[in-house]
């Protein structure tokens, strides 16, 4: 039995190659990344991370570094479900989402990585192993781009190997949003799929109007058009049968997904392991979706999510955010002919350049 012997937590602040904008987040020039590295008594290591908007990582790092340390050190590293439950229960009153869920995610990923490395097994096989190839789409964040640059981004995604491209909505008027979608649809080859993400930009009535305006452009889905906790609103919009709806990146617990799915409010549930507490709850959400006959998609952190989707028979799409994290790791994930393939390296297979990352370290 291997016990967790050491734990190291870092807060990093990484600049984005190009500033990007989404309606809910505003203009983003960089992002925070909290990393957790564990070593057990056999010398096996595991690393995990979670990502947040710039300036928001300190509280997450504090939670991982202080209260979680007492739970983890000296514990059996193979009892991942038990450790996850201890972190959840210990912080039930102040947690159930928010910084606690983000911190749990970094720890949970590190535990799964450690288990995979100990067994010499890639994460996607450890989680069940379905199909290592996963359809990927370019999750472009481009709300601030003028039309010409928007279209250039779509072309760049296709040239990079994507067969599915997403664009952002939330400009000052619905008419401008519709015109940009029309321009992108006409610009891309007919066989390239198009998705759109409003990032909570609208009210329910505005979304109803937007769906009528956007229906001619054959969107695969309209993502998160209203506030994430407006379950009744999502159920109503989906009942209109206009455009399939994707949602879930801002939900943080399994019960929240249960409520959204039970209400009939989503066609493409979209959990994010970095926000919902890690791999352990993500896989439960994926199974929940499967039990309701729904596909599952991911949000961000494609280097990790490719493993989870490769283990899920109802996997549909892997979102790809080009945030520049590739430059800090060996053998980054690639896309070919619209698909990403989960690596066969043990654990999640990510080997970070810790020396280079350390140059971006911020004091907790």
Foldseek 3Di string as FASTA:
>chain_A
DKAWADKDKFKFKAAFPDWFAADQPGIAGIKIKMKMWIAIPVRQIFMFIFIGGPPQCPVLRVLLPPPLVVLRGGHDLQPLVVSLVVLCVVCVVVCQFDSSLLNLAGVSLRSLLSVQVVVQFESLVVLAFDAQKAFAEEADRHPPPDLVVVLVVVVVRVVQQALEYEYEDQPPDLVVRLVSLVVNLVSDPVRRAYAYEHNQRDDLVRVLVSLVSNQVSPHQAYENPHDQQPLVSLLVVVVVVRGFYEYACRRAEPVSLVSNVVSVRHQEYEYESSGNRHLVRVLVSLVVCVVSVHAYEYDDPQLQVSSSLSNHPRHHYYYYYPRPQVVFWPPGWGHHNRITGQDGGGRSPTDGNVVVSVVRTDDD
